[in-house]
């Protein structure tokens, strides 16, 4: 099976390098060829997108939403009849993609945690994709972590929960560490390491012991204790921030979808 990667930006590079280093045949093309200077020697570098499409069984299109439909339209005639075209953008609908190709299609949303093979990768399929297509794509994506299939209409919130979430988590704990610095002389690096290791261990504890968030709070925040005071502040004040976060990100997602249709 030949894998095609169109676009060698952040996600395109990550997928291409991971697949190639796992022993897959990977063909890559990108508009910015300078990015390929540090590419693993296992990659097959193609002259253009058409060359990539012609030899590939699964084609990952890793470009900006505003460019996606034009790129897919450009490779439609070159791609094999039974090729599976995979968009790495959840905001561009299958309906819009059907306007530029009748090929089998899927949408995939990986996470940056794929860098350590722990991605929670989302996938959804158009009605043309068969069970064999789904099995092959799932096997391939399992190289970078877990694979979660969702209906197309849930890919937006799904993306917020797995693809965007590392950024949300990092920004939240950046604020926590910044606030902690105002109340301590512990060195900055040590504060960050303490929080990161505690955060990582808490996640592992919950997964391994099948604990809920409320379970952890109950274990740590004893009645009348210091932790209870802190968790009370979070439960009282953070819901408004969380509601605003998802309200704005989902609105931005809808806007991106509309803009991609106009560009296409």
Protein backbone atom coordinates (compact mmCIF):
# COMPACT_ATOMS: atom_id res chain seq x y z
CA UNK A 1 0.00 0.00 0.00
CA UNK A 2 1.34 3.42 -1.00
CA UNK A 3 0.62 6.45 1.19
CA UNK A 4 0.53 9.95 -0.30
CA UNK A 5 1.02 13.12 1.74
CA UNK A 6 0.24 16.45 0.09
CA UNK A 7 1.58 19.29 2.23
CA UNK A 8 4.58 19.00 4.53
CA UNK A 9 3.65 21.48 7.23
CA UNK A 10 3.28 20.59 10.90
CA UNK A 11 0.74 17.75 10.56
CA UNK A 12 1.82 16.63 7.09
CA UNK A 13 5.41 16.26 8.25
CA UNK A 14 4.38 14.43 11.39
CA UNK A 15 2.26 11.90 9.49
CA UNK A 16 4.76 11.43 6.66
CA UNK A 17 7.71 10.90 9.00
CA UNK A 18 5.83 8.56 11.35
CA UNK A 19 4.45 6.41 8.53
CA UNK A 20 7.77 6.25 6.68
CA UNK A 21 9.78 5.36 9.78
CA UNK A 22 7.28 2.58 10.52
CA UNK A 23 8.14 0.98 7.16
CA UNK A 24 5.29 2.28 4.97
CA UNK A 25 5.84 3.49 1.39
CA UNK A 26 5.24 7.23 1.66
CA UNK A 27 5.18 9.72 -1.23
CA UNK A 28 5.26 13.44 -0.47
CA UNK A 29 4.74 16.67 -2.37
CA UNK A 30 4.61 20.19 -1.00
CA UNK A 31 4.49 23.74 -2.28
CA UNK A 32 7.35 24.79 0.02
CA UNK A 33 10.06 22.35 -1.03
CA UNK A 34 12.61 23.80 1.39
CA UNK A 35 10.77 22.00 4.18
CA UNK A 36 11.84 18.69 2.69
CA UNK A 37 15.55 19.32 3.29
CA UNK A 38 15.38 17.61 6.68
CA UNK A 39 12.94 14.89 5.61
CA UNK A 40 13.83 11.26 6.45
CA UNK A 41 15.54 9.47 3.59
CA UNK A 42 12.76 6.86 3.70
CA UNK A 43 10.34 9.34 2.10
CA UNK A 44 9.79 9.36 -1.67
CA UNK A 45 9.78 12.99 -2.81
CA UNK A 46 7.46 13.74 -5.74
CA UNK A 47 7.66 16.66 -8.15
CA UNK A 48 4.07 17.77 -7.62
CA UNK A 49 0.68 16.78 -6.22
CA UNK A 50 -0.32 14.96 -9.39
CA UNK A 51 2.69 12.65 -9.13
CA UNK A 52 1.83 11.92 -5.50
CA UNK A 53 -1.80 11.17 -6.32
CA UNK A 54 -0.99 8.86 -9.22
CA UNK A 55 0.98 6.36 -7.12
CA UNK A 56 -0.96 6.49 -3.85
CA UNK A 57 -3.73 4.28 -2.47
CA UNK A 58 -4.49 6.63 0.44
CA UNK A 59 -3.88 10.35 -0.10
CA UNK A 60 -3.68 12.68 2.91
CA UNK A 61 -4.35 16.30 1.96
CA UNK A 62 -2.66 18.39 4.65
CA UNK A 63 -3.28 21.97 3.53
CA UNK A 64 -5.10 25.05 4.79
CA UNK A 65 -8.93 24.96 4.71
CA UNK A 66 -8.99 27.71 2.07
CA UNK A 67 -6.75 25.59 -0.21
CA UNK A 68 -8.30 22.17 0.40
CA UNK A 69 -10.97 22.08 -2.30
CA UNK A 70 -8.63 23.44 -4.97
CA UNK A 71 -5.98 20.84 -4.12
CA UNK A 72 -8.49 17.97 -4.17
CA UNK A 73 -9.92 19.22 -7.46
CA UNK A 74 -6.39 19.37 -8.87
CA UNK A 75 -5.61 15.73 -8.08
CA UNK A 76 -9.05 14.26 -8.85
CA UNK A 77 -8.17 13.23 -12.39
CA UNK A 78 -4.78 11.81 -11.44
CA UNK A 79 -5.84 9.76 -8.41
CA UNK A 80 -6.59 6.07 -8.79
CA UNK A 81 -10.30 5.22 -9.15
CA UNK A 82 -10.29 3.35 -5.84
CA UNK A 83 -8.04 5.77 -3.96
CA UNK A 84 -9.16 7.09 -0.57
CA UNK A 85 -8.68 10.87 -0.27
CA UNK A 86 -8.27 11.97 3.34
CA UNK A 87 -8.75 15.58 4.42
CA UNK A 88 -6.95 16.77 7.54
CA UNK A 89 -9.48 19.52 8.04
CA UNK A 90 -12.75 18.86 9.83
CA UNK A 91 -14.35 22.20 8.93
CA UNK A 92 -14.72 21.49 5.20
CA UNK A 93 -17.81 19.32 4.76
CA UNK A 94 -18.17 16.17 2.70
CA UNK A 95 -20.90 18.04 0.83
CA UNK A 96 -18.37 20.65 -0.28
CA UNK A 97 -15.77 17.99 -1.11
CA UNK A 98 -18.30 16.12 -3.28
CA UNK A 99 -18.49 19.19 -5.49
CA UNK A 100 -14.87 18.63 -6.58
CA UNK A 101 -14.45 14.84 -6.49
CA UNK A 102 -16.52 11.66 -6.64
CA UNK A 103 -13.69 9.62 -5.07
CA UNK A 104 -13.98 7.91 -1.68
CA UNK A 105 -13.18 10.38 1.07
CA UNK A 106 -12.54 10.57 4.79
CA UNK A 107 -11.63 13.25 7.30
CA UNK A 108 -8.95 12.73 9.94
CA UNK A 109 -8.04 14.96 12.89
CA UNK A 110 -4.83 13.92 14.69
CA UNK A 111 -3.41 15.47 17.85
CA UNK A 112 0.07 16.87 18.45
CA UNK A 113 0.45 14.00 20.95
CA UNK A 114 1.00 11.80 17.90
CA UNK A 115 4.63 12.91 18.30
CA UNK A 116 4.86 10.39 21.16
CA UNK A 117 2.45 7.89 19.54
CA UNK A 118 -0.40 8.84 21.89
CA UNK A 119 -2.73 10.70 19.56
CA UNK A 120 -6.47 10.42 20.03
CA UNK A 121 -7.10 10.56 16.28
CA UNK A 122 -10.61 11.32 15.03
CA UNK A 123 -11.90 9.89 11.77
CA UNK A 124 -15.14 10.12 9.83
CA UNK A 125 -16.02 8.70 6.41
CA UNK A 126 -18.13 9.73 3.44
CA UNK A 127 -20.82 7.33 2.28
CA UNK A 128 -18.55 6.07 -0.53
CA UNK A 129 -15.89 4.61 1.78
CA UNK A 130 -16.19 0.86 2.28
CA UNK A 131 -15.33 -1.37 5.21
CA UNK A 132 -11.97 -2.29 3.68
CA UNK A 133 -11.10 1.39 3.34
CA UNK A 134 -12.02 1.97 6.97
CA UNK A 135 -9.98 -1.00 8.18
CA UNK A 136 -6.88 0.05 6.22
CA UNK A 137 -7.07 3.65 7.40
CA UNK A 138 -7.61 2.63 11.02
CA UNK A 139 -4.64 0.27 10.91
CA UNK A 140 -2.48 3.04 9.47
CA UNK A 141 -3.59 5.65 12.00
CA UNK A 142 -3.01 3.22 14.86
CA UNK A 143 0.71 3.83 14.30
CA UNK A 144 0.29 7.22 16.02
CA UNK A 145 -2.16 6.24 18.78
CA UNK A 146 -5.84 5.50 19.34
CA UNK A 147 -8.44 5.93 16.59
CA UNK A 148 -11.92 7.29 17.39
CA UNK A 149 -14.65 7.17 14.73
CA UNK A 150 -17.30 9.89 14.94
CA UNK A 151 -20.16 11.02 12.72
CA UNK A 152 -19.30 14.07 10.62
CA UNK A 153 -21.53 16.40 12.64
CA UNK A 154 -19.57 15.64 15.84
CA UNK A 155 -16.10 16.21 14.39
CA UNK A 156 -16.13 19.86 15.47
CA UNK A 157 -16.54 19.27 19.18
CA UNK A 158 -14.45 16.13 18.89
CA UNK A 159 -11.62 18.26 17.51
CA UNK A 160 -11.92 20.66 20.44
CA UNK A 161 -11.63 17.75 22.87
CA UNK A 162 -8.60 16.01 21.36
CA UNK A 163 -6.83 18.13 18.74
CA UNK A 164 -7.25 21.59 20.27
CA UNK A 165 -7.18 20.35 23.86
CA UNK A 166 -3.37 20.17 24.23
CA UNK A 167 -3.29 23.89 23.46
CA UNK A 168 -6.17 24.58 25.85
CA UNK A 169 -4.52 22.54 28.61
CA UNK A 170 -1.13 24.16 28.05
CA UNK A 171 -2.62 27.66 28.20
CA UNK A 172 -4.62 26.87 31.36
CA UNK A 173 -1.62 25.53 33.23
CA UNK A 174 0.54 28.36 31.93
CA UNK A 175 -1.87 30.68 33.74
CA UNK A 176 -1.76 28.49 36.87
CA UNK A 177 2.04 28.54 36.94
CA UNK A 178 2.14 32.28 36.32
CA UNK A 179 -0.19 32.86 39.26
CA UNK A 180 1.80 30.49 41.50
CA UNK A 181 4.97 32.49 40.81
CA UNK A 182 3.41 35.48 42.57
CA UNK A 183 3.18 33.52 45.83
CA UNK A 184 6.47 31.58 46.00
CA UNK A 185 10.24 31.71 45.57
CA UNK A 186 10.35 28.24 43.99
CA UNK A 187 12.28 28.55 40.68
CA UNK A 188 10.15 28.85 37.53
CA UNK A 189 11.45 25.63 35.98
CA UNK A 190 10.71 23.66 39.12
CA UNK A 191 7.16 25.03 39.30
CA UNK A 192 6.50 23.91 35.74
CA UNK A 193 8.01 20.45 36.30
CA UNK A 194 6.00 19.94 39.47
CA UNK A 195 2.75 20.86 37.72
CA UNK A 196 3.49 18.87 34.55
CA UNK A 197 4.42 15.69 36.38
CA UNK A 198 1.42 15.97 38.69
CA UNK A 199 -0.88 16.60 35.70
CA UNK A 200 0.53 13.62 33.79
CA UNK A 201 0.33 11.33 36.82
CA UNK A 202 -3.25 12.41 37.57
CA UNK A 203 -4.32 11.49 34.04
CA UNK A 204 -2.63 8.11 34.28
CA UNK A 205 -4.18 7.51 37.71
CA UNK A 206 -7.67 8.23 36.37
CA UNK A 207 -7.22 6.00 33.32
CA UNK A 208 -5.64 3.11 35.20
CA UNK A 209 -8.09 3.20 38.13
CA UNK A 210 -11.13 4.16 36.03
CA UNK A 211 -11.69 7.27 38.14
CA UNK A 212 -13.87 10.24 37.24
CA UNK A 213 -12.90 13.87 37.76
CA UNK A 214 -15.28 13.99 40.71
CA UNK A 215 -13.59 10.87 42.15
CA UNK A 216 -10.22 12.64 42.17
CA UNK A 217 -11.69 15.78 43.69
CA UNK A 218 -13.34 13.69 46.38
CA UNK A 219 -10.07 11.93 47.18
CA UNK A 220 -8.06 15.13 47.52
CA UNK A 221 -10.51 17.84 48.58
CA UNK A 222 -11.49 16.72 52.09
CA UNK A 223 -14.37 18.61 53.67
CA UNK A 224 -13.22 21.84 55.27
CA UNK A 225 -9.69 21.43 53.90
CA UNK A 226 -7.42 23.63 51.79
CA UNK A 227 -8.02 21.77 48.51
CA UNK A 228 -11.78 22.14 48.94
CA UNK A 229 -11.35 25.91 49.03
CA UNK A 230 -9.40 25.84 45.76
CA UNK A 231 -11.75 23.47 43.93
CA UNK A 232 -14.73 25.57 45.04
CA UNK A 233 -13.18 28.58 43.30
CA UNK A 234 -12.71 26.58 40.09
CA UNK A 235 -16.23 25.14 40.06
CA UNK A 236 -17.66 28.58 40.81
CA UNK A 237 -15.70 30.67 38.30
CA UNK A 238 -14.34 28.43 35.54
CA UNK A 239 -17.66 27.26 33.94
CA UNK A 240 -18.19 30.71 32.42
CA UNK A 241 -14.69 30.61 30.87
CA UNK A 242 -15.23 27.07 29.52
CA UNK A 243 -18.59 28.03 27.99
CA UNK A 244 -17.04 31.08 26.33
CA UNK A 245 -14.10 29.01 25.07
CA UNK A 246 -16.29 26.46 23.28
CA UNK A 247 -18.73 29.12 22.09
CA UNK A 248 -15.97 31.07 20.37
CA UNK A 249 -14.07 28.07 18.96
CA UNK A 250 -17.20 26.49 17.50
CA UNK A 251 -18.22 29.84 15.99
CA UNK A 252 -14.76 30.13 14.42
CA UNK A 253 -15.14 26.60 13.07
CA UNK A 254 -18.46 27.47 11.41
CA UNK A 255 -16.93 30.61 9.90
CA UNK A 256 -13.98 28.61 8.52
CA UNK A 257 -16.40 26.14 6.92
CA UNK A 258 -18.30 28.92 5.18
CA UNK A 259 -15.12 30.62 3.98
CA UNK A 260 -13.77 27.36 2.54
CA UNK A 261 -16.93 26.96 0.44
CA UNK A 262 -16.47 30.47 -0.97
CA UNK A 263 -12.80 29.77 -1.77
CA UNK A 264 -13.69 26.48 -3.45
